[in-house]
Amino acid sequence: MPSEPIAPSDPSPRLQEMKAKKLWFGLAGSVAAWIVLGCADIVIAWRACMRQEDYGVPPVHPGVGALIFGITMLLLAVTMGAGVISYRNWKWLSQQRKLLNCEAVPRGEFVAVVGVIVSLTLGLGIFWLALTPWFIELCWRAK
């Protein structure tokens, strides 16, 4: 008697063992960090540069740059954590051992691989955003 084939929509046993929060944090964590960083950068720069004009007003307090740098490093750590979690999720769900050889056809593997890619991309963007206050004054960058 032939056995019944497994429907493609049936989740794998490994996916059932993995918590959905862990799987989705790998993808959404870096996106949320990117959005929060963008909003915080806009609000802090707007508030710090609100009264500064082109001439005659002292520069922005140095603590503002340290605040932005600290927030950026914290959110970069969140993005890196999300990328590591996504990579571990992919290793747990996948039969492949090399990320470049992955196919990511099942939903869980796909979400994990996309989480790795998004975390790498947004992590590089956050890193470059962290470097700009060292070279460009905050209010000039905000203009």
N, C-alpha and C. Protein backbone atom coordinates (compact mmCIF):
# COMPACT_ATOMS: atom_id res chain seq x y z
N MET A 1 0.85 -1.17 0.00
CA MET A 1 0.00 0.00 0.00
C MET A 1 0.90 1.24 0.00
N PRO A 2 0.76 2.11 -1.02
CA PRO A 2 1.63 3.28 -1.11
C PRO A 2 1.28 4.29 0.00
N SER A 3 2.33 4.91 0.46
CA SER A 3 2.10 5.92 1.50
C SER A 3 1.62 7.22 0.87
N GLU A 4 0.90 7.96 1.65
CA GLU A 4 0.35 9.22 1.17
C GLU A 4 1.44 10.27 1.08
N PRO A 5 1.58 10.97 -0.03
CA PRO A 5 2.62 12.00 -0.12
C PRO A 5 2.29 13.17 0.82
N ILE A 6 3.33 13.79 1.28
CA ILE A 6 3.16 14.94 2.15
C ILE A 6 2.85 16.15 1.29
N ALA A 7 1.81 16.87 1.67
CA ALA A 7 1.43 18.07 0.92
C ALA A 7 2.51 19.13 1.09
N PRO A 8 2.78 19.90 0.03
CA PRO A 8 3.84 20.90 0.13
C PRO A 8 3.54 21.99 1.16
N SER A 9 2.28 22.16 1.51
CA SER A 9 1.95 23.21 2.49
C SER A 9 2.16 22.75 3.92
N ASP A 10 2.41 21.44 4.13
CA ASP A 10 2.66 20.96 5.49
C ASP A 10 4.01 21.46 5.97
N PRO A 11 4.03 22.11 7.15
CA PRO A 11 5.32 22.59 7.66
C PRO A 11 6.19 21.43 8.11
N SER A 12 7.49 21.63 7.99
CA SER A 12 8.42 20.59 8.41
C SER A 12 8.41 20.48 9.93
N PRO A 13 8.82 19.31 10.46
CA PRO A 13 8.85 19.16 11.91
C PRO A 13 9.82 20.14 12.57
N ARG A 14 10.92 20.47 11.89
CA ARG A 14 11.86 21.42 12.46
C ARG A 14 11.26 22.82 12.54
N LEU A 15 10.44 23.19 11.54
CA LEU A 15 9.79 24.48 11.57
C LEU A 15 8.77 24.54 12.70
N GLN A 16 8.11 23.43 12.96
CA GLN A 16 7.14 23.40 14.05
C GLN A 16 7.83 23.54 15.40
N GLU A 17 9.06 23.03 15.52
CA GLU A 17 9.80 23.15 16.77
C GLU A 17 10.28 24.58 17.00
N MET A 18 10.56 25.30 15.93
CA MET A 18 11.08 26.65 16.06
C MET A 18 9.94 27.62 16.40
N LYS A 19 10.21 28.53 17.27
CA LYS A 19 9.20 29.53 17.64
C LYS A 19 9.07 30.56 16.53
N ALA A 20 7.85 30.97 16.26
CA ALA A 20 7.60 31.95 15.21
C ALA A 20 8.23 33.29 15.54
N LYS A 21 8.26 33.66 16.83
CA LYS A 21 8.87 34.93 17.22
C LYS A 21 10.35 34.97 16.85
N LYS A 22 11.03 33.87 17.05
CA LYS A 22 12.45 33.79 16.73
C LYS A 22 12.68 33.91 15.23
N LEU A 23 11.82 33.27 14.47
CA LEU A 23 11.95 33.31 13.01
C LEU A 23 11.69 34.71 12.47
N TRP A 24 10.66 35.37 12.97
CA TRP A 24 10.31 36.68 12.46
C TRP A 24 11.18 37.79 13.02
N PHE A 25 11.76 37.62 14.21
CA PHE A 25 12.67 38.65 14.72
C PHE A 25 13.89 38.78 13.83
N GLY A 26 14.34 37.67 13.28
CA GLY A 26 15.49 37.72 12.38
C GLY A 26 15.23 38.59 11.18
N LEU A 27 14.00 38.65 10.72
CA LEU A 27 13.66 39.48 9.56
C LEU A 27 13.25 40.88 9.99
N ALA A 28 12.37 40.97 10.96
CA ALA A 28 11.78 42.27 11.32
C ALA A 28 12.67 43.08 12.26
N GLY A 29 13.58 42.44 12.98
CA GLY A 29 14.42 43.17 13.92
C GLY A 29 15.29 44.21 13.26
N SER A 30 15.93 43.85 12.16
CA SER A 30 16.80 44.80 11.48
C SER A 30 15.99 45.88 10.77
N VAL A 31 14.83 45.54 10.27
CA VAL A 31 13.99 46.55 9.62
C VAL A 31 13.50 47.57 10.65
N ALA A 32 13.07 47.07 11.81
CA ALA A 32 12.62 47.97 12.88
C ALA A 32 13.77 48.85 13.36
N ALA A 33 14.97 48.29 13.48
CA ALA A 33 16.13 49.07 13.91
C ALA A 33 16.42 50.18 12.90
N TRP A 34 16.33 49.88 11.63
CA TRP A 34 16.58 50.87 10.59
C TRP A 34 15.56 52.01 10.67
N ILE A 35 14.30 51.66 10.85
CA ILE A 35 13.24 52.67 10.92
C ILE A 35 13.41 53.54 12.17
N VAL A 36 13.67 52.91 13.31
CA VAL A 36 13.86 53.66 14.56
C VAL A 36 15.06 54.58 14.45
N LEU A 37 16.14 54.11 13.84
CA LEU A 37 17.33 54.94 13.68
C LEU A 37 17.04 56.14 12.78
N GLY A 38 16.35 55.93 11.70
CA GLY A 38 16.01 57.04 10.82
C GLY A 38 15.15 58.08 11.51
N CYS A 39 14.13 57.63 12.25
CA CYS A 39 13.27 58.57 12.98
C CYS A 39 14.03 59.28 14.07
N ALA A 40 14.86 58.57 14.82
CA ALA A 40 15.63 59.19 15.90
C ALA A 40 16.62 60.20 15.33
N ASP A 41 17.25 59.88 14.23
CA ASP A 41 18.20 60.79 13.61
C ASP A 41 17.52 62.07 13.15
N ILE A 42 16.36 61.95 12.57
CA ILE A 42 15.62 63.14 12.12
C ILE A 42 15.20 64.00 13.30
N VAL A 43 14.63 63.36 14.33
CA VAL A 43 14.14 64.13 15.48
C VAL A 43 15.28 64.79 16.23
N ILE A 44 16.37 64.06 16.47
CA ILE A 44 17.50 64.63 17.21
C ILE A 44 18.16 65.75 16.42
N ALA A 45 18.35 65.54 15.13
CA ALA A 45 18.98 66.58 14.30
C ALA A 45 18.07 67.81 14.21
N TRP A 46 16.78 67.60 14.07
CA TRP A 46 15.86 68.73 13.99
C TRP A 46 15.87 69.52 15.29
N ARG A 47 15.84 68.82 16.40
CA ARG A 47 15.82 69.49 17.70
C ARG A 47 17.15 70.21 17.98
N ALA A 48 18.25 69.59 17.65
CA ALA A 48 19.56 70.18 17.92
C ALA A 48 19.85 71.37 17.02
N CYS A 49 19.35 71.34 15.80
CA CYS A 49 19.68 72.38 14.83
C CYS A 49 18.56 73.39 14.64
N MET A 50 17.53 73.32 15.47
CA MET A 50 16.36 74.15 15.28
C MET A 50 16.71 75.64 15.32
N ARG A 51 17.58 76.06 16.23
CA ARG A 51 17.88 77.47 16.40
C ARG A 51 19.19 77.89 15.75
N GLN A 52 19.90 76.92 15.20
CA GLN A 52 21.19 77.26 14.61
C GLN A 52 20.99 77.86 13.23
N GLU A 53 21.68 78.94 12.97
CA GLU A 53 21.65 79.58 11.66
C GLU A 53 23.01 79.39 11.01
N ASP A 54 23.12 79.88 9.80
CA ASP A 54 24.39 79.72 9.09
C ASP A 54 25.54 80.47 9.75
N TYR A 55 25.28 81.64 10.31
CA TYR A 55 26.35 82.46 10.88
C TYR A 55 25.97 82.95 12.27
N GLY A 56 26.95 83.01 13.16
CA GLY A 56 26.77 83.66 14.44
C GLY A 56 26.23 82.83 15.57
N VAL A 57 25.91 81.61 15.35
CA VAL A 57 25.37 80.77 16.41
C VAL A 57 26.39 79.68 16.72
N PRO A 58 26.63 79.40 17.99
CA PRO A 58 27.62 78.38 18.33
C PRO A 58 27.22 77.00 17.78
N PRO A 59 28.20 76.13 17.60
CA PRO A 59 27.89 74.79 17.07
C PRO A 59 27.07 73.97 18.06
N VAL A 60 26.57 72.87 17.56
CA VAL A 60 25.73 71.96 18.35
C VAL A 60 26.56 71.39 19.50
N HIS A 61 25.90 71.16 20.61
CA HIS A 61 26.56 70.57 21.79
C HIS A 61 27.17 69.22 21.41
N PRO A 62 28.39 68.91 21.87
CA PRO A 62 29.03 67.64 21.50
C PRO A 62 28.29 66.42 22.02
N GLY A 63 27.48 66.60 23.04
CA GLY A 63 26.71 65.46 23.55
C GLY A 63 25.68 64.94 22.57
N VAL A 64 25.24 65.80 21.65
CA VAL A 64 24.26 65.37 20.65
C VAL A 64 24.89 64.34 19.71
N GLY A 65 26.11 64.59 19.30
CA GLY A 65 26.81 63.61 18.46
C GLY A 65 27.03 62.30 19.17
N ALA A 66 27.37 62.37 20.45
CA ALA A 66 27.55 61.14 21.23
C ALA A 66 26.23 60.39 21.39
N LEU A 67 25.13 61.14 21.55
CA LEU A 67 23.82 60.51 21.66
C LEU A 67 23.45 59.76 20.38
N ILE A 68 23.63 60.42 19.25
CA ILE A 68 23.33 59.77 17.97
C ILE A 68 24.24 58.57 17.75
N PHE A 69 25.51 58.71 18.08
CA PHE A 69 26.45 57.60 17.92
C PHE A 69 26.05 56.42 18.82
N GLY A 70 25.66 56.70 20.06
CA GLY A 70 25.25 55.64 20.98
C GLY A 70 24.00 54.92 20.50
N ILE A 71 23.01 55.69 20.04
CA ILE A 71 21.79 55.07 19.52
C ILE A 71 22.11 54.24 18.29
N THR A 72 22.98 54.76 17.43
CA THR A 72 23.35 54.03 16.22
C THR A 72 24.04 52.70 16.56
N MET A 73 24.96 52.73 17.51
CA MET A 73 25.66 51.49 17.89
C MET A 73 24.69 50.48 18.52
N LEU A 74 23.76 50.96 19.33
CA LEU A 74 22.77 50.07 19.93
C LEU A 74 21.91 49.41 18.86
N LEU A 75 21.45 50.19 17.91
CA LEU A 75 20.61 49.63 16.85
C LEU A 75 21.42 48.79 15.86
N LEU A 76 22.70 49.09 15.71
CA LEU A 76 23.56 48.21 14.90
C LEU A 76 23.71 46.86 15.59
N ALA A 77 23.82 46.86 16.90
CA ALA A 77 23.89 45.60 17.64
C ALA A 77 22.59 44.80 17.50
N VAL A 78 21.45 45.48 17.50
CA VAL A 78 20.17 44.79 17.28
C VAL A 78 20.14 44.17 15.89
N THR A 79 20.60 44.92 14.90
CA THR A 79 20.63 44.40 13.52
C THR A 79 21.56 43.21 13.39
N MET A 80 22.73 43.29 14.02
CA MET A 80 23.67 42.16 13.97
C MET A 80 23.06 40.94 14.69
N GLY A 81 22.40 41.17 15.80
CA GLY A 81 21.75 40.08 16.51
C GLY A 81 20.66 39.43 15.66
N ALA A 82 19.89 40.26 14.96
CA ALA A 82 18.85 39.72 14.08
C ALA A 82 19.47 38.90 12.95
N GLY A 83 20.59 39.35 12.42
CA GLY A 83 21.27 38.60 11.36
C GLY A 83 21.80 37.27 11.85
N VAL A 84 22.38 37.26 13.04
CA VAL A 84 22.90 36.01 13.61
C VAL A 84 21.74 35.04 13.88
N ILE A 85 20.65 35.55 14.42
CA ILE A 85 19.49 34.69 14.67
C ILE A 85 18.94 34.13 13.37
N SER A 86 18.87 34.96 12.33
CA SER A 86 18.39 34.48 11.03
C SER A 86 19.31 33.39 10.47
N TYR A 87 20.61 33.61 10.60
CA TYR A 87 21.56 32.61 10.10
C TYR A 87 21.42 31.30 10.87
N ARG A 88 21.28 31.36 12.18
CA ARG A 88 21.09 30.14 12.98
C ARG A 88 19.77 29.46 12.64
N ASN A 89 18.73 30.27 12.42
CA ASN A 89 17.45 29.68 12.00
C ASN A 89 17.60 28.95 10.68
N TRP A 90 18.31 29.56 9.74
CA TRP A 90 18.50 28.91 8.45
C TRP A 90 19.30 27.61 8.61
N LYS A 91 20.36 27.65 9.42
CA LYS A 91 21.16 26.43 9.64
C LYS A 91 20.29 25.33 10.26
N TRP A 92 19.39 25.69 11.14
CA TRP A 92 18.53 24.71 11.81
C TRP A 92 17.53 24.11 10.82
N LEU A 93 16.99 24.93 9.92
CA LEU A 93 15.93 24.48 9.03
C LEU A 93 16.44 23.86 7.73
N SER A 94 17.63 24.22 7.30
CA SER A 94 18.11 23.83 5.99
C SER A 94 18.92 22.54 6.02
N GLN A 95 18.92 21.88 4.88
CA GLN A 95 19.76 20.70 4.69
C GLN A 95 21.12 21.10 4.12
N GLN A 96 21.20 22.30 3.56
CA GLN A 96 22.45 22.80 2.99
C GLN A 96 23.38 23.27 4.09
N ARG A 97 24.65 23.23 3.84
CA ARG A 97 25.63 23.72 4.83
C ARG A 97 26.24 25.04 4.40
N LYS A 98 26.14 25.40 3.12
CA LYS A 98 26.69 26.65 2.63
C LYS A 98 25.55 27.58 2.24
N LEU A 99 25.62 28.80 2.73
CA LEU A 99 24.55 29.77 2.47
C LEU A 99 24.43 30.11 0.99
N LEU A 100 25.54 30.10 0.28
CA LEU A 100 25.49 30.42 -1.15
C LEU A 100 24.81 29.33 -1.97
N ASN A 101 24.70 28.13 -1.43
CA ASN A 101 24.07 27.03 -2.15
C ASN A 101 22.61 26.84 -1.78
N CYS A 102 22.07 27.69 -0.96
CA CYS A 102 20.71 27.46 -0.45
C CYS A 102 19.67 27.75 -1.52
N GLU A 103 18.58 27.04 -1.44
CA GLU A 103 17.45 27.25 -2.33
C GLU A 103 16.31 27.96 -1.62
N ALA A 104 16.16 27.72 -0.34
CA ALA A 104 15.16 28.38 0.51
C ALA A 104 13.76 28.31 -0.08
N VAL A 105 13.33 27.11 -0.42
CA VAL A 105 11.99 26.93 -0.97
C VAL A 105 10.93 26.90 0.12
N PRO A 106 11.11 26.15 1.21
CA PRO A 106 10.08 26.19 2.26
C PRO A 106 10.00 27.57 2.91
N ARG A 107 8.83 27.89 3.42
CA ARG A 107 8.58 29.21 3.98
C ARG A 107 9.57 29.58 5.08
N GLY A 108 9.84 28.69 6.01
CA GLY A 108 10.74 28.98 7.11
C GLY A 108 12.15 29.29 6.65
N GLU A 109 12.66 28.49 5.73
CA GLU A 109 14.00 28.75 5.20
C GLU A 109 14.05 30.07 4.44
N PHE A 110 12.99 30.35 3.68
CA PHE A 110 12.94 31.59 2.92
C PHE A 110 12.99 32.80 3.84
N VAL A 111 12.17 32.78 4.90
CA VAL A 111 12.15 33.90 5.85
C VAL A 111 13.52 34.05 6.51
N ALA A 112 14.17 32.95 6.85
CA ALA A 112 15.48 33.01 7.49
C ALA A 112 16.54 33.58 6.55
N VAL A 113 16.54 33.16 5.30
CA VAL A 113 17.53 33.66 4.33
C VAL A 113 17.29 35.13 4.02
N VAL A 114 16.03 35.51 3.86
CA VAL A 114 15.73 36.92 3.64
C VAL A 114 16.15 37.75 4.85
N GLY A 115 15.98 37.21 6.05
CA GLY A 115 16.44 37.90 7.26
C GLY A 115 17.94 38.12 7.26
N VAL A 116 18.70 37.13 6.79
CA VAL A 116 20.16 37.29 6.69
C VAL A 116 20.50 38.39 5.69
N ILE A 117 19.87 38.38 4.54
CA ILE A 117 20.17 39.36 3.49
C ILE A 117 19.78 40.77 3.95
N VAL A 118 18.60 40.90 4.53
CA VAL A 118 18.13 42.21 4.99
C VAL A 118 19.03 42.73 6.11
N SER A 119 19.43 41.86 7.02
CA SER A 119 20.29 42.28 8.13
C SER A 119 21.65 42.74 7.63
N LEU A 120 22.20 42.03 6.65
CA LEU A 120 23.48 42.47 6.08
C LEU A 120 23.36 43.82 5.39
N THR A 121 22.32 43.98 4.60
CA THR A 121 22.13 45.21 3.86
C THR A 121 21.90 46.40 4.78
N LEU A 122 20.95 46.26 5.69
CA LEU A 122 20.64 47.37 6.59
C LEU A 122 21.75 47.59 7.61
N GLY A 123 22.46 46.53 7.98
CA GLY A 123 23.59 46.69 8.89
C GLY A 123 24.69 47.53 8.27
N LEU A 124 24.96 47.33 6.98
CA LEU A 124 25.94 48.17 6.29
C LEU A 124 25.47 49.62 6.21
N GLY A 125 24.18 49.81 5.97
CA GLY A 125 23.64 51.17 5.94
C GLY A 125 23.74 51.86 7.29
N ILE A 126 23.45 51.14 8.35
CA ILE A 126 23.57 51.69 9.70
C ILE A 126 25.03 52.01 10.01
N PHE A 127 25.93 51.14 9.61
CA PHE A 127 27.36 51.39 9.83
C PHE A 127 27.80 52.67 9.13
N TRP A 128 27.40 52.85 7.87
CA TRP A 128 27.80 54.06 7.14
C TRP A 128 27.15 55.30 7.74
N LEU A 129 25.93 55.17 8.25
CA LEU A 129 25.28 56.29 8.90
C LEU A 129 26.00 56.65 10.19
N ALA A 130 26.59 55.66 10.86
CA ALA A 130 27.33 55.93 12.09
C ALA A 130 28.63 56.67 11.81
N LEU A 131 29.18 56.52 10.63
CA LEU A 131 30.44 57.19 10.30
C LEU A 131 30.28 58.66 9.92
N THR A 132 29.13 59.04 9.41
CA THR A 132 28.99 60.41 8.90
C THR A 132 29.16 61.49 9.96
N PRO A 133 28.72 61.34 11.22
CA PRO A 133 28.96 62.43 12.18
C PRO A 133 30.43 62.70 12.45
N TRP A 134 31.30 61.76 12.15
CA TRP A 134 32.73 61.98 12.35
C TRP A 134 33.31 62.89 11.28
N PHE A 135 32.67 62.99 10.12
CA PHE A 135 33.21 63.75 9.01
C PHE A 135 32.38 64.97 8.63
N ILE A 136 31.09 64.96 8.91
CA ILE A 136 30.20 66.05 8.53
C ILE A 136 29.47 66.52 9.79
N GLU A 137 29.44 67.84 9.99
CA GLU A 137 28.73 68.37 11.15
C GLU A 137 27.24 68.01 11.06
N LEU A 138 26.63 67.81 12.19
CA LEU A 138 25.25 67.33 12.27
C LEU A 138 24.27 68.21 11.51
N CYS A 139 24.34 69.51 11.72
CA CYS A 139 23.37 70.40 11.06
C CYS A 139 23.61 70.51 9.56
N TRP A 140 24.85 70.42 9.11
CA TRP A 140 25.13 70.42 7.68
C TRP A 140 24.64 69.13 7.04
N ARG A 141 24.77 68.05 7.76
CA ARG A 141 24.29 66.77 7.25
C ARG A 141 22.78 66.77 7.17
N ALA A 142 22.12 67.41 8.14
CA ALA A 142 20.66 67.44 8.16
C ALA A 142 20.08 68.31 7.05
N LYS A 143 20.85 69.28 6.59
CA LYS A 143 20.35 70.15 5.51
C LYS A 143 20.37 69.36 4.25
